[in-house]
């Protein structure tokens, strides 16, 4: 028995004495080479399957996801700047209040 894997983008059929064995893309079957009738179809190479990149629809989807994530980052960055400004303002208020408390609690002369 020998393993045959279809690395081609479409289905392929291997003719055997008992009939045609169809292989979908990526599918592997074991067939006795002695039972194969005629020539083997072009099953492609393993490197061919790996070389196939995403199709245009996948690229569009990925680009939309990138755009959405970029907007989220921009929103979070703006929120962070606002919170940092608020924190700095609160720190200044704390310093002012601390000075007022110290002034009010100083023993008089």
PDB file of N, CA and C in Angstrom:
ATOM      1  N   UNK A   1       0.842  -1.172   0.000  1.00  0.00           N
ATOM      2  CA  UNK A   1       0.000   0.000   0.000  1.00  0.00           C
ATOM      3  C   UNK A   1       0.893   1.243   0.000  1.00  0.00           C
ATOM      4  N   UNK A   2       0.438   2.240  -0.726  1.00  0.00           N
ATOM      5  CA  UNK A   2       1.164   3.487  -0.808  1.00  0.00           C
ATOM      6  C   UNK A   2       0.177   4.630  -0.558  1.00  0.00           C
ATOM      7  N   UNK A   3       0.667   5.665   0.120  1.00  0.00           N
ATOM      8  CA  UNK A   3      -0.191   6.815   0.408  1.00  0.00           C
ATOM      9  C   UNK A   3      -0.115   7.818  -0.731  1.00  0.00           C
ATOM     10  N   UNK A   4      -1.280   8.339  -1.100  1.00  0.00           N
ATOM     11  CA  UNK A   4      -1.385   9.378  -2.113  1.00  0.00           C
ATOM     12  C   UNK A   4      -2.158  10.543  -1.499  1.00  0.00           C
ATOM     13  N   UNK A   5      -1.602  11.743  -1.614  1.00  0.00           N
ATOM     14  CA  UNK A   5      -2.250  12.940  -1.084  1.00  0.00           C
ATOM     15  C   UNK A   5      -2.481  13.914  -2.219  1.00  0.00           C
ATOM     16  N   UNK A   6      -3.679  14.483  -2.258  1.00  0.00           N
ATOM     17  CA  UNK A   6      -4.015  15.461  -3.277  1.00  0.00           C
ATOM     18  C   UNK A   6      -3.658  16.858  -2.773  1.00  0.00           C
ATOM     19  N   UNK A   7      -2.581  17.419  -3.311  1.00  0.00           N
ATOM     20  CA  UNK A   7      -2.167  18.786  -2.969  1.00  0.00           C
ATOM     21  C   UNK A   7      -2.677  19.791  -3.992  1.00  0.00           C
ATOM     22  N   UNK A   8      -3.356  19.311  -5.026  1.00  0.00           N
ATOM     23  CA  UNK A   8      -3.896  20.183  -6.064  1.00  0.00           C
ATOM     24  C   UNK A   8      -5.129  20.916  -5.523  1.00  0.00           C
ATOM     25  N   UNK A   9      -5.469  22.066  -6.120  1.00  0.00           N
ATOM     26  CA  UNK A   9      -6.602  22.846  -5.607  1.00  0.00           C
ATOM     27  C   UNK A   9      -7.972  22.207  -5.835  1.00  0.00           C
ATOM     28  N   UNK A  10      -8.084  21.259  -6.738  1.00  0.00           N
ATOM     29  CA  UNK A  10      -9.385  20.632  -7.009  1.00  0.00           C
ATOM     30  C   UNK A  10      -9.344  19.141  -6.755  1.00  0.00           C
ATOM     31  N   UNK A  11     -10.504  18.501  -6.817  1.00  0.00           N
ATOM     32  CA  UNK A  11     -10.592  17.054  -6.619  1.00  0.00           C
ATOM     33  C   UNK A  11      -9.901  16.321  -7.775  1.00  0.00           C
ATOM     34  N   UNK A  12      -9.309  15.205  -7.461  1.00  0.00           N
ATOM     35  CA  UNK A  12      -8.637  14.367  -8.463  1.00  0.00           C
ATOM     36  C   UNK A  12      -9.106  12.931  -8.276  1.00  0.00           C
ATOM     37  N   UNK A  13      -9.065  12.159  -9.374  1.00  0.00           N
ATOM     38  CA  UNK A  13      -9.470  10.761  -9.310  1.00  0.00           C
ATOM     39  C   UNK A  13      -8.344   9.845  -9.747  1.00  0.00           C
ATOM     40  N   UNK A  14      -8.140   8.781  -8.986  1.00  0.00           N
ATOM     41  CA  UNK A  14      -7.137   7.766  -9.342  1.00  0.00           C
ATOM     42  C   UNK A  14      -7.916   6.535  -9.802  1.00  0.00           C
ATOM     43  N   UNK A  15      -7.670   6.120 -11.043  1.00  0.00           N
ATOM     44  CA  UNK A  15      -8.371   4.950 -11.576  1.00  0.00           C
ATOM     45  C   UNK A  15      -7.694   3.689 -11.077  1.00  0.00           C
ATOM     46  N   UNK A  16      -8.498   2.814 -10.479  1.00  0.00           N
ATOM     47  CA  UNK A  16      -7.987   1.527  -9.995  1.00  0.00           C
ATOM     48  C   UNK A  16      -8.810   0.415 -10.635  1.00  0.00           C
ATOM     49  N   UNK A  17      -8.391  -0.810 -10.421  1.00  0.00           N
ATOM     50  CA  UNK A  17      -9.117  -1.964 -10.974  1.00  0.00           C
ATOM     51  C   UNK A  17     -10.531  -2.056 -10.404  1.00  0.00           C
ATOM     52  N   UNK A  18     -10.726  -1.560  -9.198  1.00  0.00           N
ATOM     53  CA  UNK A  18     -12.053  -1.640  -8.573  1.00  0.00           C
ATOM     54  C   UNK A  18     -12.886  -0.379  -8.780  1.00  0.00           C
ATOM     55  N   UNK A  19     -12.358   0.615  -9.511  1.00  0.00           N
ATOM     56  CA  UNK A  19     -13.103   1.840  -9.763  1.00  0.00           C
ATOM     57  C   UNK A  19     -12.250   3.071  -9.489  1.00  0.00           C
ATOM     58  N   UNK A  20     -12.875   4.219  -9.609  1.00  0.00           N
ATOM     59  CA  UNK A  20     -12.155   5.473  -9.414  1.00  0.00           C
ATOM     60  C   UNK A  20     -12.213   5.863  -7.937  1.00  0.00           C
ATOM     61  N   UNK A  21     -11.041   6.228  -7.409  1.00  0.00           N
ATOM     62  CA  UNK A  21     -10.945   6.722  -6.033  1.00  0.00           C
ATOM     63  C   UNK A  21     -10.728   8.229  -6.131  1.00  0.00           C
ATOM     64  N   UNK A  22     -11.708   8.978  -5.603  1.00  0.00           N
ATOM     65  CA  UNK A  22     -11.629  10.430  -5.670  1.00  0.00           C
ATOM     66  C   UNK A  22     -10.952  10.984  -4.419  1.00  0.00           C
ATOM     67  N   UNK A  23     -10.086  11.981  -4.631  1.00  0.00           N
ATOM     68  CA  UNK A  23      -9.405  12.652  -3.528  1.00  0.00           C
ATOM     69  C   UNK A  23      -9.739  14.131  -3.572  1.00  0.00           C
ATOM     70  N   UNK A  24     -10.294  14.637  -2.478  1.00  0.00           N
ATOM     71  CA  UNK A  24     -10.534  16.074  -2.343  1.00  0.00           C
ATOM     72  C   UNK A  24      -9.202  16.740  -2.008  1.00  0.00           C
ATOM     73  N   UNK A  25      -9.095  18.049  -2.178  1.00  0.00           N
ATOM     74  CA  UNK A  25      -7.846  18.744  -1.832  1.00  0.00           C
ATOM     75  C   UNK A  25      -7.454  18.479  -0.374  1.00  0.00           C
ATOM     76  N   UNK A  26      -6.211  18.050  -0.179  1.00  0.00           N
ATOM     77  CA  UNK A  26      -5.691  17.763   1.157  1.00  0.00           C
ATOM     78  C   UNK A  26      -5.970  16.351   1.647  1.00  0.00           C
ATOM     79  N   UNK A  27      -6.792  15.602   0.944  1.00  0.00           N
ATOM     80  CA  UNK A  27      -7.144  14.247   1.369  1.00  0.00           C
ATOM     81  C   UNK A  27      -6.050  13.257   1.013  1.00  0.00           C
ATOM     82  N   UNK A  28      -5.838  12.274   1.913  1.00  0.00           N
ATOM     83  CA  UNK A  28      -4.839  11.226   1.696  1.00  0.00           C
ATOM     84  C   UNK A  28      -5.535   9.868   1.726  1.00  0.00           C
ATOM     85  N   UNK A  29      -5.143   8.990   0.784  1.00  0.00           N
ATOM     86  CA  UNK A  29      -5.660   7.621   0.765  1.00  0.00           C
ATOM     87  C   UNK A  29      -4.502   6.658   0.560  1.00  0.00           C
ATOM     88  N   UNK A  30      -4.726   5.423   0.990  1.00  0.00           N
ATOM     89  CA  UNK A  30      -3.738   4.361   0.740  1.00  0.00           C
ATOM     90  C   UNK A  30      -4.276   3.459  -0.351  1.00  0.00           C
ATOM     91  N   UNK A  31      -3.466   3.277  -1.389  1.00  0.00           N
ATOM     92  CA  UNK A  31      -3.861   2.446  -2.528  1.00  0.00           C
ATOM     93  C   UNK A  31      -2.681   1.549  -2.878  1.00  0.00           C
ATOM     94  N   UNK A  32      -2.989   0.310  -3.239  1.00  0.00           N
ATOM     95  CA  UNK A  32      -1.955  -0.607  -3.708  1.00  0.00           C
ATOM     96  C   UNK A  32      -1.567  -0.180  -5.125  1.00  0.00           C
ATOM     97  N   UNK A  33      -0.303   0.195  -5.338  1.00  0.00           N
ATOM     98  CA  UNK A  33       0.107   0.678  -6.663  1.00  0.00           C
ATOM     99  C   UNK A  33      -0.147  -0.326  -7.782  1.00  0.00           C
ATOM    100  N   UNK A  34      -0.206  -1.608  -7.453  1.00  0.00           N
ATOM    101  CA  UNK A  34      -0.436  -2.643  -8.483  1.00  0.00           C
ATOM    102  C   UNK A  34      -1.856  -2.575  -9.037  1.00  0.00           C
ATOM    103  N   UNK A  35      -2.784  -1.977  -8.273  1.00  0.00           N
ATOM    104  CA  UNK A  35      -4.180  -1.916  -8.721  1.00  0.00           C
ATOM    105  C   UNK A  35      -4.484  -0.665  -9.532  1.00  0.00           C
ATOM    106  N   UNK A  36      -3.523   0.241  -9.656  1.00  0.00           N
ATOM    107  CA  UNK A  36      -3.759   1.487 -10.389  1.00  0.00           C
ATOM    108  C   UNK A  36      -3.765   1.201 -11.887  1.00  0.00           C
ATOM    109  N   UNK A  37      -4.790   1.737 -12.563  1.00  0.00           N
ATOM    110  CA  UNK A  37      -4.942   1.555 -14.004  1.00  0.00           C
ATOM    111  C   UNK A  37      -4.613   2.887 -14.672  1.00  0.00           C
ATOM    112  N   UNK A  38      -3.679   2.884 -15.602  1.00  0.00           N
ATOM    113  CA  UNK A  38      -3.327   4.100 -16.313  1.00  0.00           C
ATOM    114  C   UNK A  38      -2.391   4.973 -15.479  1.00  0.00           C
ATOM    115  N   UNK A  39      -2.266   6.208 -15.931  1.00  0.00           N
ATOM    116  CA  UNK A  39      -1.346   7.141 -15.274  1.00  0.00           C
ATOM    117  C   UNK A  39      -2.029   7.825 -14.089  1.00  0.00           C
ATOM    118  N   UNK A  40      -1.222   8.208 -13.139  1.00  0.00           N
ATOM    119  CA  UNK A  40      -1.733   8.958 -11.995  1.00  0.00           C
ATOM    120  C   UNK A  40      -2.059  10.392 -12.424  1.00  0.00           C
ATOM    121  N   UNK A  41      -3.108  10.971 -11.879  1.00  0.00           N
ATOM    122  CA  UNK A  41      -3.378  12.378 -12.176  1.00  0.00           C
ATOM    123  C   UNK A  41      -2.356  13.263 -11.462  1.00  0.00           C
ATOM    124  N   UNK A  42      -2.273  14.505 -11.879  1.00  0.00           N
ATOM    125  CA  UNK A  42      -1.376  15.445 -11.220  1.00  0.00           C
ATOM    126  C   UNK A  42      -1.969  15.804  -9.860  1.00  0.00           C
ATOM    127  N   UNK A  43      -1.355  15.305  -8.787  1.00  0.00           N
ATOM    128  CA  UNK A  43      -1.834  15.572  -7.428  1.00  0.00           C
ATOM    129  C   UNK A  43      -1.150  16.788  -6.819  1.00  0.00           C
ATOM    130  N   UNK A  44      -0.279  17.425  -7.566  1.00  0.00           N
ATOM    131  CA  UNK A  44       0.436  18.593  -7.055  1.00  0.00           C
ATOM    132  C   UNK A  44       1.552  18.172  -6.113  1.00  0.00           C
ATOM    133  N   UNK A  45       2.205  19.150  -5.541  1.00  0.00           N
ATOM    134  CA  UNK A  45       3.296  18.899  -4.604  1.00  0.00           C
ATOM    135  C   UNK A  45       2.927  19.514  -3.268  1.00  0.00           C
ATOM    136  N   UNK A  46       3.522  19.005  -2.210  1.00  0.00           N
ATOM    137  CA  UNK A  46       3.237  19.529  -0.884  1.00  0.00           C
ATOM    138  C   UNK A  46       3.553  21.023  -0.819  1.00  0.00           C
ATOM    139  N   UNK A  47       4.611  21.438  -1.469  1.00  0.00           N
ATOM    140  CA  UNK A  47       4.979  22.858  -1.463  1.00  0.00           C
ATOM    141  C   UNK A  47       3.943  23.699  -2.198  1.00  0.00           C
ATOM    142  N   UNK A  48       3.252  23.122  -3.194  1.00  0.00           N
ATOM    143  CA  UNK A  48       2.201  23.853  -3.905  1.00  0.00           C
ATOM    144  C   UNK A  48       1.049  24.193  -2.970  1.00  0.00           C
ATOM    145  N   UNK A  49       0.678  23.255  -2.116  1.00  0.00           N
ATOM    146  CA  UNK A  49      -0.431  23.482  -1.186  1.00  0.00           C
ATOM    147  C   UNK A  49      -0.065  24.563  -0.186  1.00  0.00           C
ATOM    148  N   UNK A  50       1.171  24.577   0.263  1.00  0.00           N
ATOM    149  CA  UNK A  50       1.605  25.579   1.241  1.00  0.00           C
ATOM    150  C   UNK A  50       1.727  26.956   0.587  1.00  0.00           C
ATOM    151  N   UNK A  51       2.006  26.990  -0.706  1.00  0.00           N
ATOM    152  CA  UNK A  51       2.202  28.261  -1.396  1.00  0.00           C
ATOM    153  C   UNK A  51       0.893  28.991  -1.643  1.00  0.00           C
ATOM    154  N   UNK A  52      -0.222  28.246  -1.629  1.00  0.00           N
ATOM    155  CA  UNK A  52      -1.506  28.897  -1.849  1.00  0.00           C
ATOM    156  C   UNK A  52      -1.799  29.826  -0.690  1.00  0.00           C
ATOM    157  N   UNK A  53      -1.949  31.089  -0.997  1.00  0.00           N
ATOM    158  CA  UNK A  53      -2.245  32.077   0.041  1.00  0.00           C
ATOM    159  C   UNK A  53      -3.746  32.245   0.185  1.00  0.00           C
ATOM    160  N   UNK A  54      -4.136  33.136   1.046  1.00  0.00           N
ATOM    161  CA  UNK A  54      -5.562  33.392   1.197  1.00  0.00           C
ATOM    162  C   UNK A  54      -6.119  34.022  -0.063  1.00  0.00           C
ATOM    163  N   UNK A  55      -7.399  33.781  -0.327  1.00  0.00           N
ATOM    164  CA  UNK A  55      -7.984  34.381  -1.520  1.00  0.00           C
ATOM    165  C   UNK A  55      -8.369  35.830  -1.235  1.00  0.00           C
ATOM    166  N   UNK A  56      -8.845  36.515  -2.242  1.00  0.00           N
ATOM    167  CA  UNK A  56      -9.130  37.945  -2.132  1.00  0.00           C
ATOM    168  C   UNK A  56     -10.173  38.223  -1.049  1.00  0.00           C
ATOM    169  N   UNK A  57     -11.148  37.341  -0.897  1.00  0.00           N
ATOM    170  CA  UNK A  57     -12.155  37.524   0.141  1.00  0.00           C
ATOM    171  C   UNK A  57     -11.536  37.498   1.528  1.00  0.00           C
ATOM    172  N   UNK A  58     -10.584  36.598   1.730  1.00  0.00           N
ATOM    173  CA  UNK A  58      -9.895  36.533   3.021  1.00  0.00           C
ATOM    174  C   UNK A  58      -9.118  37.819   3.273  1.00  0.00           C
ATOM    175  N   UNK A  59      -8.482  38.337   2.244  1.00  0.00           N
ATOM    176  CA  UNK A  59      -7.702  39.564   2.403  1.00  0.00           C
ATOM    177  C   UNK A  59      -8.598  40.748   2.748  1.00  0.00           C
ATOM    178  N   UNK A  60      -9.778  40.812   2.122  1.00  0.00           N
ATOM    179  CA  UNK A  60     -10.721  41.888   2.442  1.00  0.00           C
ATOM    180  C   UNK A  60     -11.176  41.788   3.894  1.00  0.00           C
ATOM    181  N   UNK A  61     -11.475  40.584   4.334  1.00  0.00           N
ATOM    182  CA  UNK A  61     -11.900  40.373   5.712  1.00  0.00           C
ATOM    183  C   UNK A  61     -10.789  40.769   6.683  1.00  0.00           C
ATOM    184  N   UNK A  62      -9.575  40.358   6.381  1.00  0.00           N
ATOM    185  CA  UNK A  62      -8.442  40.713   7.239  1.00  0.00           C
ATOM    186  C   UNK A  62      -8.222  42.224   7.277  1.00  0.00           C
ATOM    187  N   UNK A  63      -8.382  42.886   6.149  1.00  0.00           N
ATOM    188  CA  UNK A  63      -8.200  44.342   6.111  1.00  0.00           C
ATOM    189  C   UNK A  63      -9.260  45.032   6.959  1.00  0.00           C
ATOM    190  N   UNK A  64     -10.517  44.551   6.897  1.00  0.00           N
ATOM    191  CA  UNK A  64     -11.571  45.136   7.734  1.00  0.00           C
ATOM    192  C   UNK A  64     -11.264  44.927   9.210  1.00  0.00           C
ATOM    193  N   UNK A  65     -10.743  43.751   9.556  1.00  0.00           N
ATOM    194  CA  UNK A  65     -10.385  43.495  10.946  1.00  0.00           C
ATOM    195  C   UNK A  65      -9.256  44.422  11.395  1.00  0.00           C
ATOM    196  N   UNK A  66      -8.280  44.640  10.530  1.00  0.00           N
ATOM    197  CA  UNK A  66      -7.175  45.555  10.847  1.00  0.00           C
ATOM    198  C   UNK A  66      -7.716  46.962  11.069  1.00  0.00           C
ATOM    199  N   UNK A  67      -8.627  47.398  10.186  1.00  0.00           N
ATOM    200  CA  UNK A  67      -9.216  48.735  10.325  1.00  0.00           C
ATOM    201  C   UNK A  67      -9.974  48.867  11.644  1.00  0.00           C
ATOM    202  N   UNK A  68     -10.766  47.848  11.991  1.00  0.00           N
ATOM    203  CA  UNK A  68     -11.527  47.882  13.250  1.00  0.00           C
ATOM    204  C   UNK A  68     -10.588  47.935  14.450  1.00  0.00           C
ATOM    205  N   UNK A  69      -9.542  47.120  14.425  1.00  0.00           N
ATOM    206  CA  UNK A  69      -8.593  47.110  15.545  1.00  0.00           C
ATOM    207  C   UNK A  69      -7.837  48.435  15.644  1.00  0.00           C
ATOM    208  N   UNK A  70      -7.523  49.039  14.507  1.00  0.00           N
ATOM    209  CA  UNK A  70      -6.840  50.337  14.508  1.00  0.00           C
ATOM    210  C   UNK A  70      -7.731  51.398  15.150  1.00  0.00           C
ATOM    211  N   UNK A  71      -9.028  51.374  14.821  1.00  0.00           N
ATOM    212  CA  UNK A  71      -9.965  52.322  15.434  1.00  0.00           C
ATOM    213  C   UNK A  71     -10.046  52.104  16.943  1.00  0.00           C
ATOM    214  N   UNK A  72     -10.062  50.838  17.365  1.00  0.00           N
ATOM    215  CA  UNK A  72     -10.111  50.547  18.797  1.00  0.00           C
ATOM    216  C   UNK A  72      -8.872  51.086  19.504  1.00  0.00           C
ATOM    217  N   UNK A  73      -7.714  50.916  18.889  1.00  0.00           N
ATOM    218  CA  UNK A  73      -6.471  51.414  19.485  1.00  0.00           C
ATOM    219  C   UNK A  73      -6.520  52.940  19.592  1.00  0.00           C
ATOM    220  N   UNK A  74      -6.994  53.606  18.540  1.00  0.00           N
ATOM    221  CA  UNK A  74      -7.088  55.068  18.568  1.00  0.00           C
ATOM    222  C   UNK A  74      -8.035  55.536  19.673  1.00  0.00           C
ATOM    223  N   UNK A  75      -9.163  54.863  19.828  1.00  0.00           N
ATOM    224  CA  UNK A  75     -10.126  55.221  20.875  1.00  0.00           C
ATOM    225  C   UNK A  75      -9.520  55.012  22.254  1.00  0.00           C
ATOM    226  N   UNK A  76      -8.859  53.882  22.449  1.00  0.00           N
ATOM    227  CA  UNK A  76      -8.245  53.606  23.748  1.00  0.00           C
ATOM    228  C   UNK A  76      -7.115  54.585  24.055  1.00  0.00           C
ATOM    229  N   UNK A  77      -6.369  54.975  23.037  1.00  0.00           N
ATOM    230  CA  UNK A  77      -5.289  55.950  23.234  1.00  0.00           C
ATOM    231  C   UNK A  77      -5.872  57.301  23.654  1.00  0.00           C
ATOM    232  N   UNK A  78      -6.952  57.713  23.002  1.00  0.00           N
ATOM    233  CA  UNK A  78      -7.593  58.983  23.358  1.00  0.00           C
ATOM    234  C   UNK A  78      -8.153  58.913  24.790  1.00  0.00           C
ATOM    235  N   UNK A  79      -8.780  57.787  25.135  1.00  0.00           N
ATOM    236  CA  UNK A  79      -9.304  57.612  26.495  1.00  0.00           C
ATOM    237  C   UNK A  79      -8.174  57.671  27.513  1.00  0.00           C
ATOM    238  N   UNK A  80      -7.056  57.059  27.181  1.00  0.00           N
ATOM    239  CA  UNK A  80      -5.905  57.052  28.085  1.00  0.00           C
ATOM    240  C   UNK A  80      -5.383  58.474  28.300  1.00  0.00           C
ATOM    241  N   UNK A  81      -5.318  59.260  27.225  1.00  0.00           N
ATOM    242  CA  UNK A  81      -4.854  60.648  27.348  1.00  0.00           C
ATOM    243  C   UNK A  81      -5.800  61.454  28.234  1.00  0.00           C
ATOM    244  N   UNK A  82      -7.106  61.236  28.068  1.00  0.00           N
ATOM    245  CA  UNK A  82      -8.081  61.952  28.884  1.00  0.00           C
ATOM    246  C   UNK A  82      -7.934  61.565  30.349  1.00  0.00           C
ATOM    247  N   UNK A  83      -7.752  60.274  30.613  1.00  0.00           N
ATOM    248  CA  UNK A  83      -7.594  59.820  31.998  1.00  0.00           C
ATOM    249  C   UNK A  83      -6.287  60.326  32.601  1.00  0.00           C
ATOM    250  N   UNK A  84      -5.249  60.393  31.795  1.00  0.00           N
ATOM    251  CA  UNK A  84      -3.967  60.906  32.283  1.00  0.00           C
ATOM    252  C   UNK A  84      -4.107  62.379  32.657  1.00  0.00           C
ATOM    253  N   UNK A  85      -4.798  63.139  31.823  1.00  0.00           N
ATOM    254  CA  UNK A  85      -5.041  64.550  32.128  1.00  0.00           C
ATOM    255  C   UNK A  85      -5.865  64.704  33.393  1.00  0.00           C
ATOM    256  N   UNK A  86      -6.876  63.859  33.545  1.00  0.00           N
ATOM    257  CA  UNK A  86      -7.719  63.907  34.744  1.00  0.00           C
ATOM    258  C   UNK A  86      -6.896  63.545  35.980  1.00  0.00           C
ATOM    259  N   UNK A  87      -6.050  62.539  35.852  1.00  0.00           N
ATOM    260  CA  UNK A  87      -5.193  62.126  36.963  1.00  0.00           C
ATOM    261  C   UNK A  87      -4.247  63.255  37.365  1.00  0.00           C
ATOM    262  N   UNK A  88      -3.658  63.924  36.370  1.00  0.00           N
ATOM    263  CA  UNK A  88      -2.754  65.037  36.655  1.00  0.00           C
ATOM    264  C   UNK A  88      -3.501  66.176  37.359  1.00  0.00           C
ATOM    265  N   UNK A  89      -4.734  66.448  36.927  1.00  0.00           N
ATOM    266  CA  UNK A  89      -5.547  67.477  37.562  1.00  0.00           C
ATOM    267  C   UNK A  89      -5.860  67.116  39.008  1.00  0.00           C
ATOM    268  N   UNK A  90      -6.164  65.840  39.245  1.00  0.00           N
ATOM    269  CA  UNK A  90      -6.447  65.394  40.616  1.00  0.00           C
ATOM    270  C   UNK A  90      -5.200  65.491  41.496  1.00  0.00           C
ATOM    271  N   UNK A  91      -4.053  65.201  40.932  1.00  0.00           N
ATOM    272  CA  UNK A  91      -2.796  65.307  41.692  1.00  0.00           C
ATOM    273  C   UNK A  91      -2.547  66.766  42.092  1.00  0.00           C
ATOM    274  N   UNK A  92      -2.835  67.697  41.176  1.00  0.00           N
ATOM    275  CA  UNK A  92      -2.661  69.121  41.487  1.00  0.00           C
ATOM    276  C   UNK A  92      -3.645  69.544  42.577  1.00  0.00           C
ATOM    277  N   UNK A  93      -4.902  69.079  42.459  1.00  0.00           N
ATOM    278  CA  UNK A  93      -5.899  69.389  43.489  1.00  0.00           C
ATOM    279  C   UNK A  93      -5.462  68.847  44.851  1.00  0.00           C
ATOM    280  N   UNK A  94      -4.902  67.651  44.859  1.00  0.00           N
ATOM    281  CA  UNK A  94      -4.441  67.051  46.115  1.00  0.00           C
ATOM    282  C   UNK A  94      -3.331  67.904  46.730  1.00  0.00           C
ATOM    283  N   UNK A  95      -2.393  68.337  45.881  1.00  0.00           N
ATOM    284  CA  UNK A  95      -1.291  69.165  46.376  1.00  0.00           C
ATOM    285  C   UNK A  95      -1.820  70.477  46.948  1.00  0.00           C
ATOM    286  N   UNK A  96      -2.785  71.100  46.257  1.00  0.00           N
ATOM    287  CA  UNK A  96      -3.371  72.351  46.749  1.00  0.00           C
ATOM    288  C   UNK A  96      -4.084  72.147  48.082  1.00  0.00           C
ATOM    289  N   UNK A  97      -4.855  71.062  48.181  1.00  0.00           N
ATOM    290  CA  UNK A  97      -5.568  70.785  49.428  1.00  0.00           C
ATOM    291  C   UNK A  97      -4.597  70.484  50.579  1.00  0.00           C
ATOM    292  N   UNK A  98      -3.527  69.784  50.257  1.00  0.00           N
ATOM    293  CA  UNK A  98      -2.520  69.481  51.285  1.00  0.00           C
ATOM    294  C   UNK A  98      -1.912  70.767  51.823  1.00  0.00           C
ATOM    295  N   UNK A  99      -1.609  71.705  50.932  1.00  0.00           N
ATOM    296  CA  UNK A  99      -1.063  73.005  51.362  1.00  0.00           C
ATOM    297  C   UNK A  99      -2.060  73.747  52.240  1.00  0.00           C
ATOM    298  N   UNK A 100      -3.332  73.721  51.859  1.00  0.00           N
ATOM    299  CA  UNK A 100      -4.353  74.410  52.647  1.00  0.00           C
ATOM    300  C   UNK A 100      -4.473  73.786  54.041  1.00  0.00           C
ATOM    301  N   UNK A 101      -4.442  72.462  54.113  1.00  0.00           N
ATOM    302  CA  UNK A 101      -4.525  71.774  55.408  1.00  0.00           C
ATOM    303  C   UNK A 101      -3.319  72.130  56.273  1.00  0.00           C
ATOM    304  N   UNK A 102      -2.130  72.141  55.673  1.00  0.00           N
ATOM    305  CA  UNK A 102      -0.937  72.489  56.420  1.00  0.00           C
ATOM    306  C   UNK A 102      -1.014  73.931  56.940  1.00  0.00           C
ATOM    307  N   UNK A 103      -1.521  74.821  56.102  1.00  0.00           N
ATOM    308  CA  UNK A 103      -1.651  76.234  56.508  1.00  0.00           C
ATOM    309  C   UNK A 103      -2.645  76.354  57.663  1.00  0.00           C
ATOM    310  N   UNK A 104      -3.754  75.646  57.589  1.00  0.00           N
ATOM    311  CA  UNK A 104      -4.785  75.736  58.600  1.00  0.00           C
ATOM    312  C   UNK A 104      -4.385  75.057  59.919  1.00  0.00           C
ATOM    313  N   UNK A 105      -3.532  74.072  59.839  1.00  0.00           N
ATOM    314  CA  UNK A 105      -3.160  73.321  61.031  1.00  0.00           C
ATOM    315  C   UNK A 105      -1.854  73.803  61.671  1.00  0.00           C
ATOM    316  N   UNK A 106      -1.198  74.804  61.073  1.00  0.00           N
ATOM    317  CA  UNK A 106       0.034  75.335  61.657  1.00  0.00           C
ATOM    318  C   UNK A 106      -0.313  76.074  62.950  1.00  0.00           C
ATOM    319  N   UNK A 107       0.501  75.879  63.954  1.00  0.00           N
ATOM    320  CA  UNK A 107       0.250  76.636  65.178  1.00  0.00           C
ATOM    321  C   UNK A 107       0.535  78.110  64.927  1.00  0.00           C
ATOM    322  N   UNK A 108      -0.277  78.958  65.437  1.00  0.00           N
ATOM    323  CA  UNK A 108      -0.123  80.401  65.247  1.00  0.00           C
ATOM    324  C   UNK A 108       0.942  80.995  66.124  1.00  0.00           C
ATOM    325  N   UNK A 109       1.494  82.171  65.761  1.00  0.00           N
ATOM    326  CA  UNK A 109       2.551  82.818  66.543  1.00  0.00           C
ATOM    327  C   UNK A 109       1.982  83.786  67.498  1.00  0.00           C
TER     328      UNK A 109
END
